[in-house]
Amino acid sequence: MKDLKLQNGDLVINAGDFALVEGDEFVLQEVIYRLNTPHFRWALNFTYGSDLPGAVNSPESRWVDVVRSINDALSSDPYVSDWYAEEVDGKVEVEVITRTGGVIRAVL
């Protein structure tokens, strides 16, 4: 699968053309944007996204809320086979096993 490459939310231009991502790089980009996009923020697909931004930024949030948010988002992701999350230095690190057997790591 291929998609337009995004960097900090902006399209990447390479040699005057849109840059593309594919393979594990595509899945990594998909996971990062799915987890960082709050539900109901993307007008073309209201089911896209997660509750993770709210869970991470809420003072009442617990680790179980963070894990539930990740699970809800990634369980419907067609490119993710399995995942594991941990908190490291106040950040959420997610390790993802792709459907093709690749392993990627995202720091959120």
PDB file of N, CA and C in Angstrom:
ATOM      1  N   MET A   1       0.842  -1.173   0.000  1.00  0.00           N
ATOM      2  CA  MET A   1       0.000   0.000   0.000  1.00  0.00           C
ATOM      3  C   MET A   1       0.891   1.242   0.000  1.00  0.00           C
ATOM      4  N   LYS A   2       0.437   2.290  -0.669  1.00  0.00           N
ATOM      5  CA  LYS A   2       1.161   3.559  -0.735  1.00  0.00           C
ATOM      6  C   LYS A   2       0.243   4.688  -0.297  1.00  0.00           C
ATOM      7  N   ASP A   3       0.869   5.753   0.170  1.00  0.00           N
ATOM      8  CA  ASP A   3       0.123   6.945   0.543  1.00  0.00           C
ATOM      9  C   ASP A   3       1.063   8.140   0.411  1.00  0.00           C
ATOM     10  N   LEU A   4       0.493   9.324   0.432  1.00  0.00           N
ATOM     11  CA  LEU A   4       1.306  10.532   0.429  1.00  0.00           C
ATOM     12  C   LEU A   4       2.073  10.621   1.740  1.00  0.00           C
ATOM     13  N   LYS A   5       3.317  11.015   1.659  1.00  0.00           N
ATOM     14  CA  LYS A   5       4.152  11.123   2.856  1.00  0.00           C
ATOM     15  C   LYS A   5       3.840  12.425   3.580  1.00  0.00           C
ATOM     16  N   LEU A   6       3.627  12.308   4.888  1.00  0.00           N
ATOM     17  CA  LEU A   6       3.361  13.464   5.737  1.00  0.00           C
ATOM     18  C   LEU A   6       4.490  13.628   6.736  1.00  0.00           C
ATOM     19  N   GLN A   7       4.850  14.866   7.000  1.00  0.00           N
ATOM     20  CA  GLN A   7       5.849  15.156   8.012  1.00  0.00           C
ATOM     21  C   GLN A   7       5.333  16.332   8.829  1.00  0.00           C
ATOM     22  N   ASN A   8       5.089  16.101  10.105  1.00  0.00           N
ATOM     23  CA  ASN A   8       4.502  17.117  10.980  1.00  0.00           C
ATOM     24  C   ASN A   8       3.181  17.640  10.425  1.00  0.00           C
ATOM     25  N   GLY A   9       2.414  16.759   9.796  1.00  0.00           N
ATOM     26  CA  GLY A   9       1.111  17.123   9.259  1.00  0.00           C
ATOM     27  C   GLY A   9       1.129  17.762   7.886  1.00  0.00           C
ATOM     28  N   ASP A  10       2.307  17.964   7.318  1.00  0.00           N
ATOM     29  CA  ASP A  10       2.421  18.590   6.002  1.00  0.00           C
ATOM     30  C   ASP A  10       2.843  17.565   4.950  1.00  0.00           C
ATOM     31  N   LEU A  11       2.370  17.767   3.729  1.00  0.00           N
ATOM     32  CA  LEU A  11       2.806  16.917   2.623  1.00  0.00           C
ATOM     33  C   LEU A  11       4.281  17.158   2.325  1.00  0.00           C
ATOM     34  N   VAL A  12       4.988  16.099   1.999  1.00  0.00           N
ATOM     35  CA  VAL A  12       6.411  16.195   1.686  1.00  0.00           C
ATOM     36  C   VAL A  12       6.578  16.222   0.168  1.00  0.00           C
ATOM     37  N   ILE A  13       7.356  17.183  -0.306  1.00  0.00           N
ATOM     38  CA  ILE A  13       7.655  17.303  -1.734  1.00  0.00           C
ATOM     39  C   ILE A  13       9.103  16.856  -1.929  1.00  0.00           C
ATOM     40  N   ASN A  14       9.314  15.991  -2.919  1.00  0.00           N
ATOM     41  CA  ASN A  14      10.650  15.486  -3.216  1.00  0.00           C
ATOM     42  C   ASN A  14      10.898  15.650  -4.713  1.00  0.00           C
ATOM     43  N   ALA A  15      11.883  16.438  -5.081  1.00  0.00           N
ATOM     44  CA  ALA A  15      12.227  16.685  -6.484  1.00  0.00           C
ATOM     45  C   ALA A  15      11.018  17.179  -7.274  1.00  0.00           C
ATOM     46  N   GLY A  16      10.238  18.079  -6.650  1.00  0.00           N
ATOM     47  CA  GLY A  16       9.103  18.681  -7.333  1.00  0.00           C
ATOM     48  C   GLY A  16       7.865  17.809  -7.415  1.00  0.00           C
ATOM     49  N   ASP A  17       7.865  16.643  -6.759  1.00  0.00           N
ATOM     50  CA  ASP A  17       6.721  15.738  -6.782  1.00  0.00           C
ATOM     51  C   ASP A  17       6.370  15.341  -5.355  1.00  0.00           C
ATOM     52  N   PHE A  18       5.143  14.895  -5.160  1.00  0.00           N
ATOM     53  CA  PHE A  18       4.742  14.431  -3.844  1.00  0.00           C
ATOM     54  C   PHE A  18       5.526  13.173  -3.484  1.00  0.00           C
ATOM     55  N   ALA A  19       6.095  13.149  -2.290  1.00  0.00           N
ATOM     56  CA  ALA A  19       6.792  11.954  -1.805  1.00  0.00           C
ATOM     57  C   ALA A  19       5.757  10.938  -1.336  1.00  0.00           C
ATOM     58  N   LEU A  20       6.084   9.663  -1.465  1.00  0.00           N
ATOM     59  CA  LEU A  20       5.185   8.575  -1.065  1.00  0.00           C
ATOM     60  C   LEU A  20       5.823   7.726   0.021  1.00  0.00           C
ATOM     61  N   VAL A  21       4.969   7.074   0.809  1.00  0.00           N
ATOM     62  CA  VAL A  21       5.419   6.069   1.768  1.00  0.00           C
ATOM     63  C   VAL A  21       4.771   4.750   1.384  1.00  0.00           C
ATOM     64  N   GLU A  22       5.465   3.653   1.688  1.00  0.00           N
ATOM     65  CA  GLU A  22       4.905   2.332   1.439  1.00  0.00           C
ATOM     66  C   GLU A  22       5.519   1.346   2.419  1.00  0.00           C
ATOM     67  N   GLY A  23       4.967   0.160   2.498  1.00  0.00           N
ATOM     68  CA  GLY A  23       5.476  -0.873   3.384  1.00  0.00           C
ATOM     69  C   GLY A  23       5.348  -0.476   4.849  1.00  0.00           C
ATOM     70  N   ASP A  24       6.361  -0.817   5.637  1.00  0.00           N
ATOM     71  CA  ASP A  24       6.325  -0.518   7.067  1.00  0.00           C
ATOM     72  C   ASP A  24       6.285   0.974   7.347  1.00  0.00           C
ATOM     73  N   GLU A  25       6.900   1.786   6.492  1.00  0.00           N
ATOM     74  CA  GLU A  25       6.853   3.234   6.671  1.00  0.00           C
ATOM     75  C   GLU A  25       5.416   3.746   6.528  1.00  0.00           C
ATOM     76  N   PHE A  26       4.668   3.145   5.610  1.00  0.00           N
ATOM     77  CA  PHE A  26       3.250   3.491   5.439  1.00  0.00           C
ATOM     78  C   PHE A  26       2.467   3.138   6.706  1.00  0.00           C
ATOM     79  N   VAL A  27       2.697   1.926   7.240  1.00  0.00           N
ATOM     80  CA  VAL A  27       1.969   1.493   8.437  1.00  0.00           C
ATOM     81  C   VAL A  27       2.328   2.388   9.622  1.00  0.00           C
ATOM     82  N   LEU A  28       3.598   2.737   9.763  1.00  0.00           N
ATOM     83  CA  LEU A  28       4.012   3.619  10.852  1.00  0.00           C
ATOM     84  C   LEU A  28       3.291   4.960  10.759  1.00  0.00           C
ATOM     85  N   GLN A  29       3.250   5.539   9.577  1.00  0.00           N
ATOM     86  CA  GLN A  29       2.551   6.815   9.397  1.00  0.00           C
ATOM     87  C   GLN A  29       1.073   6.661   9.714  1.00  0.00           C
ATOM     88  N   GLU A  30       0.464   5.583   9.252  1.00  0.00           N
ATOM     89  CA  GLU A  30      -0.955   5.326   9.510  1.00  0.00           C
ATOM     90  C   GLU A  30      -1.230   5.221  11.009  1.00  0.00           C
ATOM     91  N   VAL A  31      -0.403   4.478  11.723  1.00  0.00           N
ATOM     92  CA  VAL A  31      -0.591   4.283  13.162  1.00  0.00           C
ATOM     93  C   VAL A  31      -0.434   5.610  13.907  1.00  0.00           C
ATOM     94  N   ILE A  32       0.602   6.364  13.592  1.00  0.00           N
ATOM     95  CA  ILE A  32       0.839   7.639  14.276  1.00  0.00           C
ATOM     96  C   ILE A  32      -0.333   8.593  14.069  1.00  0.00           C
ATOM     97  N   TYR A  33      -0.799   8.725  12.834  1.00  0.00           N
ATOM     98  CA  TYR A  33      -1.888   9.664  12.577  1.00  0.00           C
ATOM     99  C   TYR A  33      -3.227   9.150  13.105  1.00  0.00           C
ATOM    100  N   ARG A  34      -3.459   7.855  13.051  1.00  0.00           N
ATOM    101  CA  ARG A  34      -4.701   7.302  13.608  1.00  0.00           C
ATOM    102  C   ARG A  34      -4.757   7.552  15.117  1.00  0.00           C
ATOM    103  N   LEU A  35      -3.658   7.307  15.818  1.00  0.00           N
ATOM    104  CA  LEU A  35      -3.651   7.468  17.271  1.00  0.00           C
ATOM    105  C   LEU A  35      -3.667   8.936  17.692  1.00  0.00           C
ATOM    106  N   ASN A  36      -3.112   9.821  16.894  1.00  0.00           N
ATOM    107  CA  ASN A  36      -3.054  11.243  17.256  1.00  0.00           C
ATOM    108  C   ASN A  36      -4.243  12.049  16.773  1.00  0.00           C
ATOM    109  N   THR A  37      -5.109  11.455  15.965  1.00  0.00           N
ATOM    110  CA  THR A  37      -6.298  12.151  15.470  1.00  0.00           C
ATOM    111  C   THR A  37      -7.481  11.844  16.387  1.00  0.00           C
ATOM    112  N   PRO A  38      -8.028  12.858  17.045  1.00  0.00           N
ATOM    113  CA  PRO A  38      -9.191  12.606  17.895  1.00  0.00           C
ATOM    114  C   PRO A  38     -10.382  12.118  17.061  1.00  0.00           C
ATOM    115  N   HIS A  39     -11.174  11.225  17.642  1.00  0.00           N
ATOM    116  CA  HIS A  39     -12.388  10.771  16.959  1.00  0.00           C
ATOM    117  C   HIS A  39     -13.221  11.962  16.492  1.00  0.00           C
ATOM    118  N   PHE A  40     -13.902  11.784  15.382  1.00  0.00           N
ATOM    119  CA  PHE A  40     -14.847  12.757  14.826  1.00  0.00           C
ATOM    120  C   PHE A  40     -14.184  14.033  14.309  1.00  0.00           C
ATOM    121  N   ARG A  41     -12.855  14.037  14.126  1.00  0.00           N
ATOM    122  CA  ARG A  41     -12.176  15.221  13.619  1.00  0.00           C
ATOM    123  C   ARG A  41     -11.952  15.178  12.119  1.00  0.00           C
ATOM    124  N   TRP A  42     -12.069  14.005  11.527  1.00  0.00           N
ATOM    125  CA  TRP A  42     -11.842  13.888  10.090  1.00  0.00           C
ATOM    126  C   TRP A  42     -13.196  13.744   9.418  1.00  0.00           C
ATOM    127  N   ALA A  43     -13.605  14.733   8.657  1.00  0.00           N
ATOM    128  CA  ALA A  43     -14.952  14.790   8.094  1.00  0.00           C
ATOM    129  C   ALA A  43     -15.259  13.644   7.128  1.00  0.00           C
ATOM    130  N   LEU A  44     -14.239  13.058   6.503  1.00  0.00           N
ATOM    131  CA  LEU A  44     -14.489  11.993   5.534  1.00  0.00           C
ATOM    132  C   LEU A  44     -14.733  10.637   6.190  1.00  0.00           C
ATOM    133  N   ASN A  45     -14.345  10.493   7.456  1.00  0.00           N
ATOM    134  CA  ASN A  45     -14.535   9.220   8.147  1.00  0.00           C
ATOM    135  C   ASN A  45     -14.557   9.489   9.648  1.00  0.00           C
ATOM    136  N   PHE A  46     -15.753   9.592  10.215  1.00  0.00           N
ATOM    137  CA  PHE A  46     -15.873   9.919  11.634  1.00  0.00           C
ATOM    138  C   PHE A  46     -15.411   8.793  12.554  1.00  0.00           C
ATOM    139  N   THR A  47     -15.245   7.582  12.036  1.00  0.00           N
ATOM    140  CA  THR A  47     -14.774   6.486  12.878  1.00  0.00           C
ATOM    141  C   THR A  47     -13.252   6.442  12.952  1.00  0.00           C
ATOM    142  N   TYR A  48     -12.574   7.225  12.109  1.00  0.00           N
ATOM    143  CA  TYR A  48     -11.112   7.265  12.101  1.00  0.00           C
ATOM    144  C   TYR A  48     -10.622   8.041  13.317  1.00  0.00           C
ATOM    145  N   GLY A  49      -9.545   7.594  13.913  1.00  0.00           N
ATOM    146  CA  GLY A  49      -8.944   8.306  15.029  1.00  0.00           C
ATOM    147  C   GLY A  49      -9.022   7.509  16.311  1.00  0.00           C
ATOM    148  N   SER A  50      -8.723   8.196  17.413  1.00  0.00           N
ATOM    149  CA  SER A  50      -8.722   7.523  18.704  1.00  0.00           C
ATOM    150  C   SER A  50      -9.064   8.508  19.805  1.00  0.00           C
ATOM    151  N   ASP A  51      -9.258   7.965  20.997  1.00  0.00           N
ATOM    152  CA  ASP A  51      -9.458   8.787  22.185  1.00  0.00           C
ATOM    153  C   ASP A  51      -8.136   9.043  22.899  1.00  0.00           C
ATOM    154  N   LEU A  52      -7.031   8.626  22.292  1.00  0.00           N
ATOM    155  CA  LEU A  52      -5.723   8.754  22.930  1.00  0.00           C
ATOM    156  C   LEU A  52      -5.347  10.203  23.259  1.00  0.00           C
ATOM    157  N   PRO A  53      -5.555  11.175  22.362  1.00  0.00           N
ATOM    158  CA  PRO A  53      -5.179  12.548  22.728  1.00  0.00           C
ATOM    159  C   PRO A  53      -5.858  13.019  24.016  1.00  0.00           C
ATOM    160  N   GLY A  54      -7.107  12.689  24.185  1.00  0.00           N
ATOM    161  CA  GLY A  54      -7.814  13.074  25.411  1.00  0.00           C
ATOM    162  C   GLY A  54      -7.347  12.285  26.620  1.00  0.00           C
ATOM    163  N   ALA A  55      -7.057  11.005  26.434  1.00  0.00           N
ATOM    164  CA  ALA A  55      -6.611  10.162  27.543  1.00  0.00           C
ATOM    165  C   ALA A  55      -5.233  10.575  28.041  1.00  0.00           C
ATOM    166  N   VAL A  56      -4.350  10.944  27.136  1.00  0.00           N
ATOM    167  CA  VAL A  56      -2.990  11.329  27.517  1.00  0.00           C
ATOM    168  C   VAL A  56      -2.979  12.701  28.190  1.00  0.00           C
ATOM    169  N   ASN A  57      -3.814  13.605  27.725  1.00  0.00           N
ATOM    170  CA  ASN A  57      -3.786  14.983  28.216  1.00  0.00           C
ATOM    171  C   ASN A  57      -4.703  15.244  29.404  1.00  0.00           C
ATOM    172  N   SER A  58      -5.437  14.239  29.847  1.00  0.00           N
ATOM    173  CA  SER A  58      -6.356  14.423  30.963  1.00  0.00           C
ATOM    174  C   SER A  58      -5.667  14.103  32.289  1.00  0.00           C
ATOM    175  N   PRO A  59      -5.786  14.990  33.272  1.00  0.00           N
ATOM    176  CA  PRO A  59      -5.159  14.712  34.571  1.00  0.00           C
ATOM    177  C   PRO A  59      -5.817  13.538  35.297  1.00  0.00           C
ATOM    178  N   GLU A  60      -7.075  13.222  34.950  1.00  0.00           N
ATOM    179  CA  GLU A  60      -7.782  12.112  35.588  1.00  0.00           C
ATOM    180  C   GLU A  60      -7.509  10.774  34.897  1.00  0.00           C
ATOM    181  N   SER A  61      -6.813  10.821  33.799  1.00  0.00           N
ATOM    182  CA  SER A  61      -6.592   9.610  33.003  1.00  0.00           C
ATOM    183  C   SER A  61      -5.653   8.649  33.712  1.00  0.00           C
ATOM    184  N   ARG A  62      -5.899   7.359  33.487  1.00  0.00           N
ATOM    185  CA  ARG A  62      -5.049   6.303  34.019  1.00  0.00           C
ATOM    186  C   ARG A  62      -4.471   5.531  32.850  1.00  0.00           C
ATOM    187  N   TRP A  63      -3.472   4.719  33.118  1.00  0.00           N
ATOM    188  CA  TRP A  63      -2.834   3.929  32.069  1.00  0.00           C
ATOM    189  C   TRP A  63      -3.858   3.042  31.372  1.00  0.00           C
ATOM    190  N   VAL A  64      -4.823   2.524  32.103  1.00  0.00           N
ATOM    191  CA  VAL A  64      -5.843   1.663  31.494  1.00  0.00           C
ATOM    192  C   VAL A  64      -6.644   2.433  30.446  1.00  0.00           C
ATOM    193  N   ASP A  65      -6.858   3.731  30.653  1.00  0.00           N
ATOM    194  CA  ASP A  65      -7.564   4.553  29.655  1.00  0.00           C
ATOM    195  C   ASP A  65      -6.727   4.713  28.390  1.00  0.00           C
ATOM    196  N   VAL A  66      -5.425   4.876  28.563  1.00  0.00           N
ATOM    197  CA  VAL A  66      -4.519   5.001  27.423  1.00  0.00           C
ATOM    198  C   VAL A  66      -4.513   3.705  26.619  1.00  0.00           C
ATOM    199  N   VAL A  67      -4.384   2.580  27.312  1.00  0.00           N
ATOM    200  CA  VAL A  67      -4.357   1.279  26.637  1.00  0.00           C
ATOM    201  C   VAL A  67      -5.676   1.011  25.917  1.00  0.00           C
ATOM    202  N   ARG A  68      -6.792   1.330  26.551  1.00  0.00           N
ATOM    203  CA  ARG A  68      -8.104   1.124  25.915  1.00  0.00           C
ATOM    204  C   ARG A  68      -8.224   1.983  24.649  1.00  0.00           C
ATOM    205  N   SER A  69      -7.739   3.212  24.704  1.00  0.00           N
ATOM    206  CA  SER A  69      -7.790   4.095  23.529  1.00  0.00           C
ATOM    207  C   SER A  69      -6.976   3.530  22.381  1.00  0.00           C
ATOM    208  N   ILE A  70      -5.779   3.024  22.692  1.00  0.00           N
ATOM    209  CA  ILE A  70      -4.937   2.430  21.657  1.00  0.00           C
ATOM    210  C   ILE A  70      -5.600   1.186  21.088  1.00  0.00           C
ATOM    211  N   ASN A  71      -6.124   0.338  21.950  1.00  0.00           N
ATOM    212  CA  ASN A  71      -6.762  -0.895  21.495  1.00  0.00           C
ATOM    213  C   ASN A  71      -7.971  -0.606  20.608  1.00  0.00           C
ATOM    214  N   ASP A  72      -8.801   0.342  21.019  1.00  0.00           N
ATOM    215  CA  ASP A  72      -9.987   0.683  20.222  1.00  0.00           C
ATOM    216  C   ASP A  72      -9.597   1.157  18.827  1.00  0.00           C
ATOM    217  N   ALA A  73      -8.526   1.931  18.737  1.00  0.00           N
ATOM    218  CA  ALA A  73      -8.104   2.459  17.437  1.00  0.00           C
ATOM    219  C   ALA A  73      -7.421   1.408  16.580  1.00  0.00           C
ATOM    220  N   LEU A  74      -6.517   0.629  17.167  1.00  0.00           N
ATOM    221  CA  LEU A  74      -5.716  -0.300  16.363  1.00  0.00           C
ATOM    222  C   LEU A  74      -6.409  -1.619  16.082  1.00  0.00           C
ATOM    223  N   SER A  75      -7.429  -1.962  16.870  1.00  0.00           N
ATOM    224  CA  SER A  75      -8.122  -3.228  16.608  1.00  0.00           C
ATOM    225  C   SER A  75      -8.882  -3.192  15.283  1.00  0.00           C
ATOM    226  N   SER A  76      -9.208  -2.000  14.808  1.00  0.00           N
ATOM    227  CA  SER A  76      -9.906  -1.885  13.525  1.00  0.00           C
ATOM    228  C   SER A  76      -8.969  -1.493  12.387  1.00  0.00           C
ATOM    229  N   ASP A  77      -7.674  -1.368  12.683  1.00  0.00           N
ATOM    230  CA  ASP A  77      -6.715  -0.976  11.652  1.00  0.00           C
ATOM    231  C   ASP A  77      -6.366  -2.197  10.797  1.00  0.00           C
ATOM    232  N   PRO A  78      -6.621  -2.145   9.501  1.00  0.00           N
ATOM    233  CA  PRO A  78      -6.395  -3.319   8.647  1.00  0.00           C
ATOM    234  C   PRO A  78      -4.929  -3.681   8.444  1.00  0.00           C
ATOM    235  N   TYR A  79      -4.005  -2.809   8.859  1.00  0.00           N
ATOM    236  CA  TYR A  79      -2.580  -3.068   8.638  1.00  0.00           C
ATOM    237  C   TYR A  79      -1.867  -3.573   9.888  1.00  0.00           C
ATOM    238  N   VAL A  80      -2.581  -3.620  11.009  1.00  0.00           N
ATOM    239  CA  VAL A  80      -1.983  -3.992  12.294  1.00  0.00           C
ATOM    240  C   VAL A  80      -2.441  -5.389  12.700  1.00  0.00           C
ATOM    241  N   SER A  81      -1.461  -6.231  13.015  1.00  0.00           N
ATOM    242  CA  SER A  81      -1.757  -7.584  13.482  1.00  0.00           C
ATOM    243  C   SER A  81      -1.827  -7.629  15.007  1.00  0.00           C
ATOM    244  N   ASP A  82      -0.879  -6.981  15.662  1.00  0.00           N
ATOM    245  CA  ASP A  82      -0.825  -6.967  17.126  1.00  0.00           C
ATOM    246  C   ASP A  82      -0.039  -5.737  17.561  1.00  0.00           C
ATOM    247  N   TRP A  83      -0.092  -5.405  18.828  1.00  0.00           N
ATOM    248  CA  TRP A  83       0.607  -4.232  19.328  1.00  0.00           C
ATOM    249  C   TRP A  83       0.896  -4.377  20.809  1.00  0.00           C
ATOM    250  N   TYR A  84       1.849  -3.584  21.287  1.00  0.00           N
ATOM    251  CA  TYR A  84       2.224  -3.535  22.694  1.00  0.00           C
ATOM    252  C   TYR A  84       2.562  -2.086  23.010  1.00  0.00           C
ATOM    253  N   ALA A  85       2.120  -1.574  24.149  1.00  0.00           N
ATOM    254  CA  ALA A  85       2.408  -0.188  24.521  1.00  0.00           C
ATOM    255  C   ALA A  85       3.024  -0.135  25.901  1.00  0.00           C
ATOM    256  N   GLU A  86       3.894   0.857  26.086  1.00  0.00           N
ATOM    257  CA  GLU A  86       4.468   1.110  27.406  1.00  0.00           C
ATOM    258  C   GLU A  86       4.734   2.601  27.550  1.00  0.00           C
ATOM    259  N   GLU A  87       4.810   3.039  28.793  1.00  0.00           N
ATOM    260  CA  GLU A  87       5.135   4.431  29.069  1.00  0.00           C
ATOM    261  C   GLU A  87       6.624   4.522  29.366  1.00  0.00           C
ATOM    262  N   VAL A  88       7.303   5.385  28.640  1.00  0.00           N
ATOM    263  CA  VAL A  88       8.738   5.589  28.818  1.00  0.00           C
ATOM    264  C   VAL A  88       9.002   7.091  28.910  1.00  0.00           C
ATOM    265  N   ASP A  89       9.514   7.518  30.035  1.00  0.00           N
ATOM    266  CA  ASP A  89       9.840   8.930  30.247  1.00  0.00           C
ATOM    267  C   ASP A  89       8.668   9.859  29.941  1.00  0.00           C
ATOM    268  N   GLY A  90       7.478   9.463  30.368  1.00  0.00           N
ATOM    269  CA  GLY A  90       6.300  10.290  30.184  1.00  0.00           C
ATOM    270  C   GLY A  90       5.704  10.259  28.788  1.00  0.00           C
ATOM    271  N   LYS A  91       6.249   9.431  27.901  1.00  0.00           N
ATOM    272  CA  LYS A  91       5.709   9.302  26.540  1.00  0.00           C
ATOM    273  C   LYS A  91       5.178   7.890  26.351  1.00  0.00           C
ATOM    274  N   VAL A  92       4.247   7.757  25.423  1.00  0.00           N
ATOM    275  CA  VAL A  92       3.684   6.447  25.100  1.00  0.00           C
ATOM    276  C   VAL A  92       4.448   5.876  23.918  1.00  0.00           C
ATOM    277  N   GLU A  93       5.029   4.699  24.103  1.00  0.00           N
ATOM    278  CA  GLU A  93       5.710   4.001  23.018  1.00  0.00           C
ATOM    279  C   GLU A  93       4.853   2.801  22.630  1.00  0.00           C
ATOM    280  N   VAL A  94       4.577   2.703  21.340  1.00  0.00           N
ATOM    281  CA  VAL A  94       3.744   1.622  20.831  1.00  0.00           C
ATOM    282  C   VAL A  94       4.565   0.800  19.842  1.00  0.00           C
ATOM    283  N   GLU A  95       4.664  -0.489  20.097  1.00  0.00           N
ATOM    284  CA  GLU A  95       5.307  -1.401  19.156  1.00  0.00           C
ATOM    285  C   GLU A  95       4.206  -2.146  18.420  1.00  0.00           C
ATOM    286  N   VAL A  96       4.273  -2.134  17.108  1.00  0.00           N
ATOM    287  CA  VAL A  96       3.221  -2.699  16.270  1.00  0.00           C
ATOM    288  C   VAL A  96       3.793  -3.812  15.402  1.00  0.00           C
ATOM    289  N   ILE A  97       3.081  -4.914  15.339  1.00  0.00           N
ATOM    290  CA  ILE A  97       3.404  -5.980  14.387  1.00  0.00           C
ATOM    291  C   ILE A  97       2.425  -5.826  13.232  1.00  0.00           C
ATOM    292  N   THR A  98       2.974  -5.631  12.048  1.00  0.00           N
ATOM    293  CA  THR A  98       2.131  -5.404  10.876  1.00  0.00           C
ATOM    294  C   THR A  98       1.593  -6.734  10.344  1.00  0.00           C
ATOM    295  N   ARG A  99       0.600  -6.652   9.502  1.00  0.00           N
ATOM    296  CA  ARG A  99       0.020  -7.865   8.896  1.00  0.00           C
ATOM    297  C   ARG A  99       1.033  -8.596   8.020  1.00  0.00           C
ATOM    298  N   THR A 100       2.066  -7.884   7.569  1.00  0.00           N
ATOM    299  CA  THR A 100       3.097  -8.524   6.745  1.00  0.00           C
ATOM    300  C   THR A 100       4.244  -9.071   7.588  1.00  0.00           C
ATOM    301  N   GLY A 101       4.144  -8.926   8.920  1.00  0.00           N
ATOM    302  CA  GLY A 101       5.165  -9.467   9.813  1.00  0.00           C
ATOM    303  C   GLY A 101       6.232  -8.488  10.222  1.00  0.00           C
ATOM    304  N   GLY A 102       6.160  -7.258   9.732  1.00  0.00           N
ATOM    305  CA  GLY A 102       7.133  -6.246  10.129  1.00  0.00           C
ATOM    306  C   GLY A 102       6.855  -5.745  11.530  1.00  0.00           C
ATOM    307  N   VAL A 103       7.865  -5.192  12.167  1.00  0.00           N
ATOM    308  CA  VAL A 103       7.731  -4.618  13.502  1.00  0.00           C
ATOM    309  C   VAL A 103       8.131  -3.149  13.427  1.00  0.00           C
ATOM    310  N   ILE A 104       7.246  -2.278  13.874  1.00  0.00           N
ATOM    311  CA  ILE A 104       7.523  -0.846  13.867  1.00  0.00           C
ATOM    312  C   ILE A 104       7.302  -0.299  15.270  1.00  0.00           C
ATOM    313  N   ARG A 105       7.929   0.816  15.555  1.00  0.00           N
ATOM    314  CA  ARG A 105       7.808   1.441  16.876  1.00  0.00           C
ATOM    315  C   ARG A 105       7.471   2.909  16.687  1.00  0.00           C
ATOM    316  N   ALA A 106       6.427   3.352  17.384  1.00  0.00           N
ATOM    317  CA  ALA A 106       6.012   4.744  17.325  1.00  0.00           C
ATOM    318  C   ALA A 106       6.078   5.338  18.723  1.00  0.00           C
ATOM    319  N   VAL A 107       6.625   6.545  18.827  1.00  0.00           N
ATOM    320  CA  VAL A 107       6.661   7.274  20.090  1.00  0.00           C
ATOM    321  C   VAL A 107       5.669   8.414  19.970  1.00  0.00           C
ATOM    322  N   LEU A 108       4.724   8.457  20.884  1.00  0.00           N
ATOM    323  CA  LEU A 108       3.644   9.459  20.818  1.00  0.00           C
ATOM    324  C   LEU A 108       3.752  10.438  21.959  1.00  0.00           C
TER     325      LEU A 108
END
